[in-house]
Amino acid sequence: MSGTKKELIEMDDWNRRLAKAKVSKQDLDRLVMNFLVIEGYKDTAENFAREAFIDPGVDLSAISDRMEIRSAMHTGDVETAIERVNDLNP
């Protein structure tokens, strides 16, 4: 354990800092797209890419495969997850 103490930021100070932060629409769009891809919202990611005129940065058709692997891992079926990974990337 490190002896580093976390800084406590009061709500007013947080709101002032947040108001000063500049986030571009492009950065925000990339953040949203990243969330959609990671969480497996393929259809929503496709629609968002079209509407926001952005490149998803990944092959959206692979999201279903990723979600199958993720589901297998979450249920403890490591063997199936490994087989799926090997099927996709021999």
C-alpha atoms as a PDB file:
ATOM      1  CA  MET A   1       0.000   0.000   0.000  1.00  0.00           C
ATOM      2  CA  SER A   2       1.311   3.403  -0.860  1.00  0.00           C
ATOM      3  CA  GLY A   3       1.147   6.265   1.592  1.00  0.00           C
ATOM      4  CA  THR A   4      -0.290   8.629  -1.023  1.00  0.00           C
ATOM      5  CA  LYS A   5      -3.340  10.438   0.242  1.00  0.00           C
ATOM      6  CA  LYS A   6      -6.139  11.214  -2.219  1.00  0.00           C
ATOM      7  CA  GLU A   7      -7.087  14.836  -2.662  1.00  0.00           C
ATOM      8  CA  LEU A   8     -10.635  15.665  -1.633  1.00  0.00           C
ATOM      9  CA  ILE A   9     -12.292  18.053  -4.081  1.00  0.00           C
ATOM     10  CA  GLU A  10     -15.316  20.000  -2.959  1.00  0.00           C
ATOM     11  CA  MET A  11     -18.328  20.092  -5.291  1.00  0.00           C
ATOM     12  CA  ASP A  12     -17.998  23.830  -6.028  1.00  0.00           C
ATOM     13  CA  ASP A  13     -14.325  23.403  -6.913  1.00  0.00           C
ATOM     14  CA  TRP A  14     -15.180  20.379  -9.082  1.00  0.00           C
ATOM     15  CA  ASN A  15     -17.856  22.347 -10.951  1.00  0.00           C
ATOM     16  CA  ARG A  16     -15.414  25.243 -11.550  1.00  0.00           C
ATOM     17  CA  ARG A  17     -12.791  22.846 -12.895  1.00  0.00           C
ATOM     18  CA  LEU A  18     -15.374  21.113 -15.051  1.00  0.00           C
ATOM     19  CA  ALA A  19     -16.581  24.417 -16.505  1.00  0.00           C
ATOM     20  CA  LYS A  20     -13.001  25.191 -17.579  1.00  0.00           C
ATOM     21  CA  ALA A  21     -12.530  21.837 -19.326  1.00  0.00           C
ATOM     22  CA  LYS A  22     -12.824  22.043 -23.080  1.00  0.00           C
ATOM     23  CA  VAL A  23     -13.994  18.867 -24.800  1.00  0.00           C
ATOM     24  CA  SER A  24     -14.365  18.905 -28.561  1.00  0.00           C
ATOM     25  CA  LYS A  25     -17.359  17.349 -30.281  1.00  0.00           C
ATOM     26  CA  GLN A  26     -14.957  15.001 -32.052  1.00  0.00           C
ATOM     27  CA  ASP A  27     -13.498  13.794 -28.741  1.00  0.00           C
ATOM     28  CA  LEU A  28     -16.955  13.360 -27.261  1.00  0.00           C
ATOM     29  CA  ASP A  29     -18.134  11.419 -30.330  1.00  0.00           C
ATOM     30  CA  ARG A  30     -15.080   9.120 -30.086  1.00  0.00           C
ATOM     31  CA  LEU A  31     -15.790   8.560 -26.399  1.00  0.00           C
ATOM     32  CA  VAL A  32     -19.408   7.629 -27.096  1.00  0.00           C
ATOM     33  CA  MET A  33     -18.368   5.314 -29.950  1.00  0.00           C
ATOM     34  CA  ASN A  34     -15.755   3.661 -27.750  1.00  0.00           C
ATOM     35  CA  PHE A  35     -18.373   3.000 -25.071  1.00  0.00           C
ATOM     36  CA  LEU A  36     -20.835   1.537 -27.584  1.00  0.00           C
ATOM     37  CA  VAL A  37     -18.210  -0.789 -29.064  1.00  0.00           C
ATOM     38  CA  ILE A  38     -16.815  -1.953 -25.719  1.00  0.00           C
ATOM     39  CA  GLU A  39     -20.263  -2.622 -24.291  1.00  0.00           C
ATOM     40  CA  GLY A  40     -21.374  -4.486 -27.427  1.00  0.00           C
ATOM     41  CA  TYR A  41     -24.079  -2.149 -28.747  1.00  0.00           C
ATOM     42  CA  LYS A  42     -23.445  -3.000 -32.390  1.00  0.00           C
ATOM     43  CA  ASP A  43     -26.663  -1.616 -33.932  1.00  0.00           C
ATOM     44  CA  THR A  44     -26.435   1.576 -31.910  1.00  0.00           C
ATOM     45  CA  ALA A  45     -22.754   1.983 -32.859  1.00  0.00           C
ATOM     46  CA  GLU A  46     -23.631   1.579 -36.549  1.00  0.00           C
ATOM     47  CA  ASN A  47     -26.405   4.174 -36.303  1.00  0.00           C
ATOM     48  CA  PHE A  48     -24.240   6.566 -34.304  1.00  0.00           C
ATOM     49  CA  ALA A  49     -21.385   6.249 -36.839  1.00  0.00           C
ATOM     50  CA  ARG A  50     -23.773   7.159 -39.660  1.00  0.00           C
ATOM     51  CA  GLU A  51     -25.438  10.028 -37.841  1.00  0.00           C
ATOM     52  CA  ALA A  52     -22.238  11.509 -36.397  1.00  0.00           C
ATOM     53  CA  PHE A  53     -20.288  10.948 -39.642  1.00  0.00           C
ATOM     54  CA  ILE A  54     -17.472   9.176 -37.836  1.00  0.00           C
ATOM     55  CA  ASP A  55     -15.466   6.048 -38.500  1.00  0.00           C
ATOM     56  CA  PRO A  56     -16.040   3.520 -35.716  1.00  0.00           C
ATOM     57  CA  GLY A  57     -12.355   2.605 -35.800  1.00  0.00           C
ATOM     58  CA  VAL A  58     -13.124  -1.127 -35.560  1.00  0.00           C
ATOM     59  CA  ASP A  59     -14.949  -3.734 -37.583  1.00  0.00           C
ATOM     60  CA  LEU A  60     -18.424  -3.539 -36.061  1.00  0.00           C
ATOM     61  CA  SER A  61     -19.296  -6.999 -37.351  1.00  0.00           C
ATOM     62  CA  ALA A  62     -16.735  -8.371 -34.873  1.00  0.00           C
ATOM     63  CA  ILE A  63     -18.712  -7.030 -31.904  1.00  0.00           C
ATOM     64  CA  SER A  64     -20.959 -10.104 -31.829  1.00  0.00           C
ATOM     65  CA  ASP A  65     -17.915 -12.363 -31.690  1.00  0.00           C
ATOM     66  CA  ARG A  66     -16.405 -10.265 -28.902  1.00  0.00           C
ATOM     67  CA  MET A  67     -19.621 -10.421 -26.926  1.00  0.00           C
ATOM     68  CA  GLU A  68     -19.758 -14.233 -27.243  1.00  0.00           C
ATOM     69  CA  ILE A  69     -16.209 -14.456 -25.877  1.00  0.00           C
ATOM     70  CA  ARG A  70     -16.993 -11.993 -23.106  1.00  0.00           C
ATOM     71  CA  SER A  71     -20.146 -13.882 -22.144  1.00  0.00           C
ATOM     72  CA  ALA A  72     -18.255 -17.170 -22.003  1.00  0.00           C
ATOM     73  CA  MET A  73     -15.647 -15.598 -19.733  1.00  0.00           C
ATOM     74  CA  HIS A  74     -18.272 -14.087 -17.442  1.00  0.00           C
ATOM     75  CA  THR A  75     -19.975 -17.447 -17.016  1.00  0.00           C
ATOM     76  CA  GLY A  76     -16.658 -19.156 -16.318  1.00  0.00           C
ATOM     77  CA  ASP A  77     -16.581 -21.072 -19.594  1.00  0.00           C
ATOM     78  CA  VAL A  78     -12.942 -20.306 -20.303  1.00  0.00           C
ATOM     79  CA  GLU A  79     -12.537 -23.253 -22.669  1.00  0.00           C
ATOM     80  CA  THR A  80     -15.291 -21.981 -24.979  1.00  0.00           C
ATOM     81  CA  ALA A  81     -13.843 -18.460 -24.831  1.00  0.00           C
ATOM     82  CA  ILE A  82     -10.404 -19.743 -25.834  1.00  0.00           C
ATOM     83  CA  GLU A  83     -11.887 -21.840 -28.648  1.00  0.00           C
ATOM     84  CA  ARG A  84     -13.783 -18.764 -29.950  1.00  0.00           C
ATOM     85  CA  VAL A  85     -10.639 -16.647 -29.854  1.00  0.00           C
ATOM     86  CA  ASN A  86      -8.686 -19.337 -31.682  1.00  0.00           C
ATOM     87  CA  ASP A  87     -11.463 -19.669 -34.282  1.00  0.00           C
ATOM     88  CA  LEU A  88     -11.315 -15.941 -34.954  1.00  0.00           C
ATOM     89  CA  ASN A  89      -7.555 -15.584 -34.797  1.00  0.00           C
ATOM     90  CA  PRO A  90      -5.878 -18.948 -35.469  1.00  0.00           C
END
